[in-house]
Every structure is written in C-alpha cells, then in structure tokens.
N, C-alpha and C. Protein backbone atom coordinates (compact mmCIF):
# COMPACT_ATOMS: atom_id res chain seq x y z
N UNK A 1 18.45 -10.78 1.62
CA UNK A 1 18.21 -9.70 2.07
C UNK A 1 16.46 -9.02 1.44
N UNK A 2 15.63 -8.77 2.35
CA UNK A 2 14.55 -8.55 2.14
C UNK A 2 14.45 -6.89 1.50
N UNK A 3 14.03 -7.10 0.43
CA UNK A 3 13.59 -5.64 -0.52
C UNK A 3 11.86 -5.40 -0.99
N UNK A 4 11.62 -4.34 -0.54
CA UNK A 4 10.08 -3.89 -0.77
C UNK A 4 10.24 -2.68 -1.88
N UNK A 5 9.96 -2.60 -2.92
CA UNK A 5 10.20 -1.69 -4.07
C UNK A 5 8.41 -1.39 -4.40
N UNK A 6 8.33 0.23 -3.91
CA UNK A 6 7.05 0.23 -4.24
C UNK A 6 6.84 1.22 -6.04
N UNK A 7 6.08 1.05 -6.81
CA UNK A 7 5.93 2.00 -7.86
C UNK A 7 4.62 2.11 -8.20
N UNK A 8 4.29 3.40 -9.09
CA UNK A 8 3.26 3.58 -9.71
C UNK A 8 2.61 4.87 -8.73
N UNK A 9 3.12 5.45 -8.15
CA UNK A 9 2.75 6.89 -7.92
C UNK A 9 2.65 7.67 -8.90
N UNK A 10 2.19 9.06 -8.88
CA UNK A 10 2.10 9.93 -9.71
C UNK A 10 1.29 11.05 -9.56
N UNK A 11 0.98 11.89 -10.29
CA UNK A 11 0.02 13.22 -10.52
C UNK A 11 -1.36 12.58 -11.16
N UNK A 12 -2.37 12.91 -10.36
CA UNK A 12 -3.66 12.48 -10.82
C UNK A 12 -4.87 13.27 -10.65
N UNK A 13 -5.47 13.66 -11.66
CA UNK A 13 -6.90 14.60 -10.92
C UNK A 13 -7.88 13.81 -10.03
N UNK A 14 -8.47 14.70 -9.33
CA UNK A 14 -9.40 14.22 -8.43
C UNK A 14 -10.73 13.60 -9.11
N UNK A 15 -10.74 12.37 -8.72
CA UNK A 15 -11.92 11.59 -9.51
C UNK A 15 -11.33 10.29 -10.02
N UNK A 16 -10.02 10.47 -10.13
CA UNK A 16 -9.06 9.72 -11.09
C UNK A 16 -8.69 8.36 -10.12
N UNK A 17 -8.10 7.55 -10.89
CA UNK A 17 -7.36 6.34 -10.47
C UNK A 17 -6.23 6.14 -10.59
N UNK A 18 -5.24 5.13 -9.62
CA UNK A 18 -3.92 4.89 -9.53
C UNK A 18 -3.87 3.58 -9.00
N UNK A 19 -3.12 2.83 -9.57
CA UNK A 19 -2.86 1.47 -9.13
C UNK A 19 -1.14 1.43 -8.37
N UNK A 20 -1.01 1.39 -7.15
CA UNK A 20 0.13 1.16 -6.71
C UNK A 20 1.19 -0.09 -6.68
N UNK A 21 1.98 -0.42 -7.04
CA UNK A 21 2.68 -2.12 -6.74
C UNK A 21 3.65 -1.91 -5.83
N UNK A 22 3.43 -2.87 -5.08
CA UNK A 22 5.01 -3.16 -4.04
C UNK A 22 5.69 -4.49 -4.44
N UNK A 23 6.43 -4.60 -4.98
CA UNK A 23 7.46 -6.09 -5.40
C UNK A 23 8.29 -6.14 -4.50
N UNK A 24 8.35 -7.60 -3.74
CA UNK A 24 8.98 -8.05 -2.79
C UNK A 24 9.98 -9.24 -3.18
N UNK A 25 11.34 -9.26 -2.56
CA UNK A 25 12.48 -9.80 -2.69
C UNK A 25 12.99 -10.44 -1.84
N UNK A 26 13.40 -11.61 -1.33
CA UNK A 26 13.87 -12.10 -0.15
C UNK A 26 13.18 -12.72 0.83
N UNK A 27 11.79 -12.49 0.46
CA UNK A 27 10.54 -13.13 1.30
C UNK A 27 9.73 -13.29 0.74
N UNK A 28 8.75 -14.36 1.01
CA UNK A 28 7.35 -14.71 0.15
C UNK A 28 6.24 -13.67 0.96
N UNK A 29 5.68 -13.12 0.41
CA UNK A 29 4.57 -12.07 0.97
C UNK A 29 3.15 -12.95 1.23
N UNK A 30 2.93 -14.31 0.66
CA UNK A 30 2.02 -14.97 1.09
C UNK A 30 1.79 -15.42 2.34
N UNK A 31 3.36 -15.42 2.89
CA UNK A 31 3.31 -15.93 4.28
C UNK A 31 3.18 -15.03 5.32
N UNK A 32 2.97 -13.82 5.16
CA UNK A 32 2.86 -12.58 5.82
C UNK A 32 1.73 -11.95 5.65
N UNK A 33 1.85 -11.03 6.44
CA UNK A 33 0.99 -9.73 6.55
C UNK A 33 1.33 -8.76 5.37
N UNK A 34 0.63 -8.24 4.75
CA UNK A 34 1.27 -6.76 3.88
C UNK A 34 0.10 -5.72 4.49
N UNK A 35 0.62 -4.62 4.08
CA UNK A 35 -0.04 -3.27 4.24
C UNK A 35 0.50 -2.24 3.28
N UNK A 36 -0.58 -1.46 3.22
CA UNK A 36 -0.36 -0.22 2.62
C UNK A 36 -0.55 0.85 3.70
N UNK A 37 0.40 2.12 3.57
CA UNK A 37 0.51 2.86 4.53
C UNK A 37 0.34 4.18 4.02
N UNK A 38 0.09 5.42 4.55
CA UNK A 38 0.29 6.81 3.89
C UNK A 38 1.01 7.68 4.94
N UNK A 39 1.40 8.83 4.62
CA UNK A 39 1.82 9.99 5.54
C UNK A 39 1.76 11.27 4.37
N UNK A 40 0.79 12.07 4.97
CA UNK A 40 0.93 13.29 4.42
C UNK A 40 1.66 14.36 5.31
N UNK A 41 2.41 15.54 4.60
CA UNK A 41 2.92 16.56 5.10
C UNK A 41 2.33 16.91 6.74
N UNK A 42 3.23 16.92 7.75
CA UNK A 42 2.95 17.26 8.81
C UNK A 42 1.83 16.51 9.43
N UNK A 43 1.76 15.25 8.95
CA UNK A 43 0.51 14.06 9.49
C UNK A 43 1.40 12.50 10.10
N UNK A 44 0.54 12.46 10.85
CA UNK A 44 1.43 10.86 10.96
C UNK A 44 1.15 9.96 9.94
N UNK A 45 1.91 8.63 10.05
CA UNK A 45 1.59 7.97 9.04
C UNK A 45 0.69 7.00 9.46
N UNK A 46 -0.30 6.53 8.44
CA UNK A 46 -1.72 6.04 8.70
C UNK A 46 -1.76 4.85 7.86
N UNK A 47 -2.69 3.50 8.23
CA UNK A 47 -2.70 2.38 7.36
C UNK A 47 -3.89 2.60 6.71
N UNK A 48 -3.47 2.43 5.41
CA UNK A 48 -5.00 2.39 4.43
C UNK A 48 -5.05 1.08 3.87
N UNK A 49 -4.90 0.11 3.82
CA UNK A 49 -4.95 -1.14 3.69
C UNK A 49 -4.27 -2.33 4.02
N UNK A 50 -4.76 -3.49 4.34
CA UNK A 50 -3.77 -4.63 4.96
C UNK A 50 -4.44 -5.94 4.31
N UNK A 51 -3.86 -6.95 4.09
CA UNK A 51 -4.11 -7.73 3.58
C UNK A 51 -3.33 -9.15 4.21
N UNK A 52 -4.28 -10.19 5.03
CA UNK A 52 -3.55 -10.86 5.84
C UNK A 52 -3.21 -12.21 5.07
N UNK A 53 -2.36 -13.09 5.98
CA UNK A 53 -1.79 -14.42 5.33
C UNK A 53 -2.88 -14.99 4.49
N UNK A 54 -4.14 -15.42 5.18
CA UNK A 54 -5.36 -16.12 4.64
C UNK A 54 -5.96 -15.19 3.63
N UNK A 55 -5.53 -13.92 3.43
CA UNK A 55 -6.38 -13.12 2.36
C UNK A 55 -7.28 -11.94 2.64
N UNK A 56 -7.56 -11.98 4.12
CA UNK A 56 -8.49 -11.13 4.34
C UNK A 56 -7.92 -9.90 4.51
N UNK A 57 -8.78 -8.75 4.23
CA UNK A 57 -8.52 -7.48 3.73
C UNK A 57 -9.22 -6.42 5.13
N UNK A 58 -8.59 -5.43 4.95
CA UNK A 58 -9.28 -4.43 5.84
C UNK A 58 -9.02 -2.92 5.74
N UNK A 59 -9.70 -2.16 5.56
CA UNK A 59 -9.54 -0.48 5.40
C UNK A 59 -10.12 -0.01 6.49
N UNK A 60 -9.79 1.34 6.72
CA UNK A 60 -10.32 2.42 7.22
C UNK A 60 -11.49 2.88 6.86
N UNK A 61 -12.49 3.83 7.43
CA UNK A 61 -13.62 4.22 6.71
C UNK A 61 -13.24 5.20 5.62
N UNK A 62 -12.02 5.71 5.75
CA UNK A 62 -11.67 6.68 4.82
C UNK A 62 -11.50 6.31 3.69
N UNK A 63 -10.91 5.47 3.33
CA UNK A 63 -10.92 4.75 1.91
C UNK A 63 -11.66 3.36 1.62
N UNK A 64 -12.36 3.04 2.65
CA UNK A 64 -13.31 1.69 2.05
C UNK A 64 -14.22 1.99 1.07
N UNK A 65 -14.28 1.12 0.22
CA UNK A 65 -14.92 1.23 -1.21
C UNK A 65 -14.37 1.94 -2.39
N UNK A 66 -13.39 2.72 -1.94
CA UNK A 66 -12.43 3.07 -3.13
C UNK A 66 -11.16 2.89 -3.33
N UNK A 67 -10.52 2.13 -2.08
CA UNK A 67 -9.23 1.34 -2.49
C UNK A 67 -9.30 0.10 -2.27
N UNK A 68 -8.52 -0.79 -2.93
CA UNK A 68 -8.45 -2.33 -2.63
C UNK A 68 -7.17 -2.81 -2.60
N UNK A 69 -6.78 -3.68 -1.81
CA UNK A 69 -5.34 -4.34 -1.97
C UNK A 69 -5.67 -5.57 -2.44
N UNK A 70 -4.76 -5.81 -3.07
CA UNK A 70 -4.49 -7.42 -3.49
C UNK A 70 -3.42 -7.83 -3.29
N UNK A 71 -3.28 -9.19 -3.79
CA UNK A 71 -1.64 -9.80 -3.98
C UNK A 71 -1.51 -10.76 -5.26
N UNK A 72 -0.24 -10.77 -5.89
CA UNK A 72 -0.08 -11.75 -6.82
C UNK A 72 1.01 -12.65 -6.36
N UNK A 73 0.71 -13.75 -5.85
CA UNK A 73 1.87 -14.56 -4.90
C UNK A 73 3.00 -14.88 -6.03
N UNK A 74 2.63 -15.29 -7.29
CA UNK A 74 3.34 -15.82 -8.31
C UNK A 74 4.50 -14.87 -8.72
N UNK A 75 3.95 -13.66 -8.62
CA UNK A 75 4.79 -12.40 -8.63
C UNK A 75 5.37 -11.66 -7.39
N UNK A 76 5.05 -12.45 -6.28
CA UNK A 76 5.32 -11.75 -5.32
C UNK A 76 5.37 -9.99 -4.97
N UNK A 77 4.24 -9.99 -5.50
CA UNK A 77 3.77 -8.50 -5.76
C UNK A 77 2.39 -8.13 -4.90
N UNK A 78 2.43 -6.94 -4.14
CA UNK A 78 1.05 -6.52 -3.48
C UNK A 78 0.51 -5.17 -4.13
N UNK A 79 -0.48 -5.10 -4.30
CA UNK A 79 -1.00 -4.04 -5.37
C UNK A 79 -2.00 -3.12 -4.40
N UNK A 80 -2.10 -2.04 -4.73
CA UNK A 80 -3.44 -0.83 -3.97
C UNK A 80 -4.02 -0.24 -5.36
N UNK A 81 -5.10 -0.56 -5.71
CA UNK A 81 -5.88 0.11 -6.79
C UNK A 81 -6.59 1.23 -5.68
N UNK A 82 -6.50 2.40 -6.25
CA UNK A 82 -7.00 3.83 -5.77
C UNK A 82 -7.92 4.12 -6.98
N UNK A 83 -9.53 4.38 -6.30
CA UNK A 83 -10.15 4.64 -7.23
C UNK A 83 -10.78 6.03 -6.56
N UNK A 84 -11.64 6.72 -7.41
CA UNK A 84 -12.19 8.12 -6.85
C UNK A 84 -11.36 8.74 -6.00
N UNK A 85 -10.21 9.29 -6.61
CA UNK A 85 -9.37 9.74 -5.65
C UNK A 85 -9.57 11.05 -5.25
N UNK A 86 -9.11 11.58 -4.19
CA UNK A 86 -9.58 12.98 -3.25
C UNK A 86 -8.14 13.57 -3.11
N UNK A 87 -8.35 15.10 -2.99
CA UNK A 87 -6.99 15.81 -2.48
C UNK A 87 -6.38 15.07 -1.45
N UNK A 88 -7.30 14.67 -0.44
CA UNK A 88 -6.69 14.50 0.64
C UNK A 88 -6.10 12.95 1.05
N UNK A 89 -6.01 12.56 -0.25
CA UNK A 89 -5.34 11.22 -0.33
C UNK A 89 -4.08 11.27 -0.99
N UNK A 90 -3.45 12.48 -1.06
CA UNK A 90 -2.33 13.11 -1.39
C UNK A 90 -1.35 12.95 -0.17
N UNK A 91 -0.29 11.88 -0.27
CA UNK A 91 0.61 11.57 0.62
C UNK A 91 2.10 10.65 0.05
N UNK A 92 2.46 10.29 0.77
CA UNK A 92 3.81 9.44 0.13
C UNK A 92 3.32 8.11 0.79
N UNK A 93 3.17 7.09 -0.08
CA UNK A 93 2.71 5.90 0.09
C UNK A 93 3.50 4.71 0.44
N UNK A 94 3.58 3.82 1.32
CA UNK A 94 4.61 3.18 1.89
C UNK A 94 3.89 1.72 1.87
N UNK A 95 4.68 0.53 1.41
CA UNK A 95 4.29 -0.72 1.83
C UNK A 95 5.27 -1.23 2.77
N UNK A 96 4.41 -2.16 3.69
CA UNK A 96 4.90 -2.88 4.82
C UNK A 96 4.90 -4.05 4.93
N UNK A 97 5.77 -4.86 4.91
CA UNK A 97 5.43 -6.67 5.37
C UNK A 97 5.77 -6.53 6.74
N UNK A 98 4.84 -7.36 7.58
CA UNK A 98 5.02 -7.87 9.08
C UNK A 98 5.28 -9.42 9.04
N UNK A 99 6.57 -9.50 9.39
CA UNK A 99 6.78 -11.22 9.46
C UNK A 99 6.10 -11.83 10.41
N UNK A 100 5.68 -13.19 9.94
CA UNK A 100 4.50 -13.77 10.80
C UNK A 100 5.50 -14.48 11.96
N UNK A 101 4.77 -14.34 13.06
CA UNK A 101 5.12 -14.70 14.35
C UNK A 101 6.59 -13.94 14.74
N UNK A 102 6.84 -13.11 14.40
CA UNK A 102 7.71 -12.03 15.05
C UNK A 102 7.64 -10.58 15.32
N UNK A 103 8.65 -9.93 15.37
CA UNK A 103 8.23 -8.42 15.64
C UNK A 103 9.11 -7.49 14.85
N UNK A 104 9.44 -8.55 13.54
CA UNK A 104 10.15 -7.96 12.56
C UNK A 104 9.30 -7.26 11.53
N UNK A 105 9.76 -6.09 10.78
CA UNK A 105 8.93 -5.75 9.98
C UNK A 105 9.86 -5.11 8.49
N UNK A 106 9.30 -5.13 7.44
CA UNK A 106 10.09 -4.24 6.53
C UNK A 106 9.25 -3.36 5.90
N UNK A 107 9.69 -1.95 5.19
CA UNK A 107 9.14 -1.01 4.56
C UNK A 107 9.79 -0.92 3.34
N UNK A 108 8.93 -0.40 2.51
CA UNK A 108 9.52 0.15 1.32
C UNK A 108 9.94 1.68 1.20
N UNK A 109 10.47 2.00 0.30
CA UNK A 109 10.99 3.58 0.20
C UNK A 109 9.96 4.74 -0.20
N UNK A 110 8.62 4.09 -0.60
CA UNK A 110 7.75 5.01 -0.20
C UNK A 110 7.42 5.67 -2.22
N UNK A 111 6.22 5.90 -2.04
CA UNK A 111 5.89 6.53 -3.56
C UNK A 111 5.03 7.54 -3.36
N UNK A 112 5.03 8.60 -4.21
CA UNK A 112 4.55 9.86 -4.04
C UNK A 112 3.10 9.64 -4.84
N UNK A 113 2.01 9.87 -4.16
CA UNK A 113 0.67 10.38 -4.72
C UNK A 113 0.07 11.71 -4.67
N UNK A 114 -0.08 12.56 -5.63
CA UNK A 114 -0.69 13.78 -5.70
C UNK A 114 -1.71 13.43 -6.42
N UNK A 115 -2.73 14.42 -5.64
CA UNK A 115 -4.40 14.34 -6.38
C UNK A 115 -4.50 16.09 -6.45
N UNK A 116 -4.62 16.36 -7.81
CA UNK A 116 -5.09 17.69 -7.84
C UNK A 116 -6.60 18.01 -7.95
N UNK A 117 -7.00 18.96 -7.26
CA UNK A 117 -8.58 19.37 -7.32
C UNK A 117 -8.76 20.29 -8.21
C-alpha cells in the first residue's frame, strides 16, 4: 500500500522559512516524478515544485528562487524548502507522486502553511 505523509507545516511570519517533508512508503520516490502542490481557500490547487526521475526540477515564477525541492532516496523522502515566505504562500500543501509510465498517482493528506504578515 502506497502512502505519502507530509509534515513540517505551521505558522510562520512573513520573510521566514519552513521545510516540508513528504515521506513515502510502499513505492520508491526515485523511480517516479514527485511534486508539491498547494491549495488556498477558494482557489484551485497549483503546482509549486516538481522533481523528475532524473533529478530535474521545475518551479512556477511565483516561487522560483524562494522554494527548493529535493529528495533523499535513502530516506524515501521529498522535501520542500520554503524561504522568504509571503502571506500569499498561505495554503494547504500536498505531496504528489506520479507513477512512471502509468496514469496512476498518489497524494498525501496535506499540511497547512500559514504565513502571517
């Protein structure tokens, strides 16, 4: 059974930092594409970072230079380092695993990030 468990969310002041973790079980993250998404109240879920099987990363302009996605294959965990946080970064953050060469994907339960201005 595949499980993704996020942690590391919380309340932080604007300009601060947080590091989110997504621990996977039942599947190897190194063999699949991993992504971090967020959803703010009343808004659609959006991608904020992704890391491909080969290690290539991608970010939207809204977080580029502030967020960094990384993975530790030995721990089977993906991280999202978030720096220079802004109030507009407030959202529930989700981890997603896209199974290689298939249409299957898995989501974590989400972790709340609140940035106070």
